[in-house]
N, C-alpha and C. Protein backbone atom coordinates (compact mmCIF):
# COMPACT_ATOMS: atom_id res chain seq x y z
N UNK A 1 0.91 -0.92 0.03
CA UNK A 1 -0.12 0.02 0.43
C UNK A 1 0.95 1.64 0.11
N UNK A 2 0.81 2.23 -1.15
CA UNK A 2 1.32 3.21 -0.98
C UNK A 2 0.98 4.11 -0.03
N UNK A 3 1.95 5.19 -0.07
CA UNK A 3 1.63 6.39 1.35
C UNK A 3 0.29 7.23 0.62
N UNK A 4 0.04 7.68 -0.59
CA UNK A 4 -1.40 8.26 -0.99
C UNK A 4 -2.68 7.31 -0.53
N UNK A 5 -2.49 6.08 -1.14
CA UNK A 5 -3.71 5.00 -0.59
C UNK A 5 -3.72 5.08 1.07
N UNK A 6 -3.16 4.89 1.57
CA UNK A 6 -2.74 4.83 3.09
C UNK A 6 -3.77 6.07 3.61
N UNK A 7 -2.90 7.62 3.10
CA UNK A 7 -3.52 8.71 3.36
C UNK A 7 -4.62 8.73 3.22
N UNK A 8 -5.00 7.88 2.02
CA UNK A 8 -6.80 8.16 1.95
C UNK A 8 -7.58 7.57 2.60
N UNK A 9 -7.00 6.33 2.73
CA UNK A 9 -7.97 5.22 3.54
C UNK A 9 -7.83 6.16 4.84
N UNK A 10 -7.05 6.49 5.67
CA UNK A 10 -7.23 7.47 6.74
C UNK A 10 -8.33 8.28 7.12
N UNK A 11 -8.22 8.87 5.72
CA UNK A 11 -9.59 10.15 5.80
C UNK A 11 -10.63 9.80 5.71
N UNK A 12 -11.07 8.87 4.56
CA UNK A 12 -11.88 7.76 4.39
C UNK A 12 -12.44 7.38 6.12
N UNK A 13 -11.65 6.59 6.32
CA UNK A 13 -11.98 6.20 8.36
C UNK A 13 -12.40 7.56 9.17
N UNK A 14 -11.69 8.45 9.06
CA UNK A 14 -12.27 9.89 9.82
C UNK A 14 -13.59 10.23 9.44
N UNK A 15 -13.82 10.77 8.13
CA UNK A 15 -15.01 11.26 7.90
C UNK A 15 -15.94 9.98 8.28
N UNK A 16 -15.63 8.54 8.18
CA UNK A 16 -17.07 8.03 8.23
C UNK A 16 -16.90 7.83 10.07
N UNK A 17 -15.96 7.91 11.00
CA UNK A 17 -15.96 8.44 11.82
C UNK A 17 -17.39 9.60 12.31
N UNK A 18 -16.97 11.01 11.26
CA UNK A 18 -17.60 11.67 11.74
C UNK A 18 -19.08 11.45 11.41
N UNK A 19 -19.38 11.37 10.29
CA UNK A 19 -20.89 10.79 10.61
C UNK A 19 -21.37 9.43 11.59
N UNK A 20 -20.81 8.96 12.42
CA UNK A 20 -21.16 8.00 13.00
C UNK A 20 -21.14 8.54 14.59
N UNK A 21 -20.62 9.20 14.92
CA UNK A 21 -20.39 10.08 16.07
C UNK A 21 -19.97 11.59 15.88
N UNK A 22 -21.39 12.09 15.73
CA UNK A 22 -21.76 13.49 15.51
C UNK A 22 -20.79 14.48 16.29
N UNK A 23 -21.23 13.88 17.95
CA UNK A 23 -20.46 14.38 18.64
C UNK A 23 -18.85 15.11 18.58
N UNK A 24 -18.22 14.33 17.60
CA UNK A 24 -16.75 14.72 17.50
C UNK A 24 -16.70 16.15 16.64
N UNK A 25 -17.53 16.16 15.74
CA UNK A 25 -17.57 17.16 14.86
C UNK A 25 -17.03 18.76 15.28
N UNK A 26 -18.00 19.05 16.42
CA UNK A 26 -17.24 20.35 17.31
C UNK A 26 -15.78 20.35 17.59
N UNK A 27 -15.76 19.06 17.99
CA UNK A 27 -14.02 19.00 18.46
C UNK A 27 -13.15 19.15 17.96
N UNK A 28 -13.78 18.05 16.06
CA UNK A 28 -12.63 18.61 14.85
C UNK A 28 -12.67 20.16 14.65
N UNK A 29 -13.63 20.53 14.28
CA UNK A 29 -13.85 21.86 14.44
C UNK A 29 -12.53 23.00 14.96
N UNK A 30 -12.97 22.48 16.02
CA UNK A 30 -11.88 23.20 16.78
C UNK A 30 -10.59 23.32 16.82
N UNK A 31 -10.06 21.80 16.51
CA UNK A 31 -8.97 21.21 16.68
C UNK A 31 -7.81 22.14 14.75
N UNK A 32 -9.29 21.91 13.70
CA UNK A 32 -8.68 22.42 12.76
C UNK A 32 -8.58 24.27 12.90
N UNK A 33 -9.16 24.65 13.57
CA UNK A 33 -9.55 25.92 13.62
C UNK A 33 -7.78 26.75 14.23
N UNK A 34 -7.43 25.51 16.07
CA UNK A 34 -6.06 25.96 16.13
C UNK A 34 -5.17 24.78 15.95
N UNK A 35 -5.31 24.50 14.75
CA UNK A 35 -4.10 23.49 14.41
C UNK A 35 -2.58 23.54 14.64
N UNK A 36 -2.66 24.83 14.25
CA UNK A 36 -0.73 25.42 14.38
C UNK A 36 -0.66 25.59 15.63
N UNK A 37 -1.37 26.27 16.58
CA UNK A 37 -1.57 26.14 17.69
C UNK A 37 -1.15 24.35 19.04
N UNK A 38 -1.99 23.61 18.27
CA UNK A 38 -2.14 22.16 18.59
C UNK A 38 0.01 21.57 18.57
N UNK A 39 -0.19 22.22 16.95
CA UNK A 39 1.42 22.03 16.57
C UNK A 39 2.38 22.06 17.58
N UNK A 40 2.45 23.48 17.51
CA UNK A 40 3.51 24.09 18.40
C UNK A 40 3.19 23.12 20.05
N UNK A 41 2.04 23.25 20.50
CA UNK A 41 2.02 22.53 21.60
C UNK A 41 2.71 21.14 21.97
N UNK A 42 3.05 20.73 21.23
CA UNK A 42 3.16 19.21 20.77
C UNK A 42 4.34 19.27 20.60
N UNK A 43 5.09 19.93 19.58
CA UNK A 43 6.37 20.12 19.81
C UNK A 43 7.10 20.80 20.98
N UNK A 44 6.39 21.66 21.70
CA UNK A 44 7.05 22.17 23.00
C UNK A 44 7.17 20.29 23.82
N UNK A 45 5.90 19.73 24.32
CA UNK A 45 5.41 18.86 25.12
C UNK A 45 6.73 17.96 24.66
N UNK A 46 6.71 17.28 23.52
CA UNK A 46 7.70 15.98 22.66
C UNK A 46 9.04 16.68 23.18
N UNK A 47 9.75 17.91 22.98
CA UNK A 47 10.94 17.86 23.08
C UNK A 47 11.67 18.74 24.38
N UNK A 48 10.88 18.58 25.64
CA UNK A 48 11.17 19.31 26.76
C UNK A 48 11.20 17.80 27.51
């Protein structure tokens, strides 16, 4: 399985999860809005 196929597979799984668990949608929107800050926070936590 190539990287592109694996990436698309994960994309489909996450989208289907959003359909089956609608309570996750606001959380995912929040993470998408602040993705840059979540990324930097992860770097700080890992490097600390």
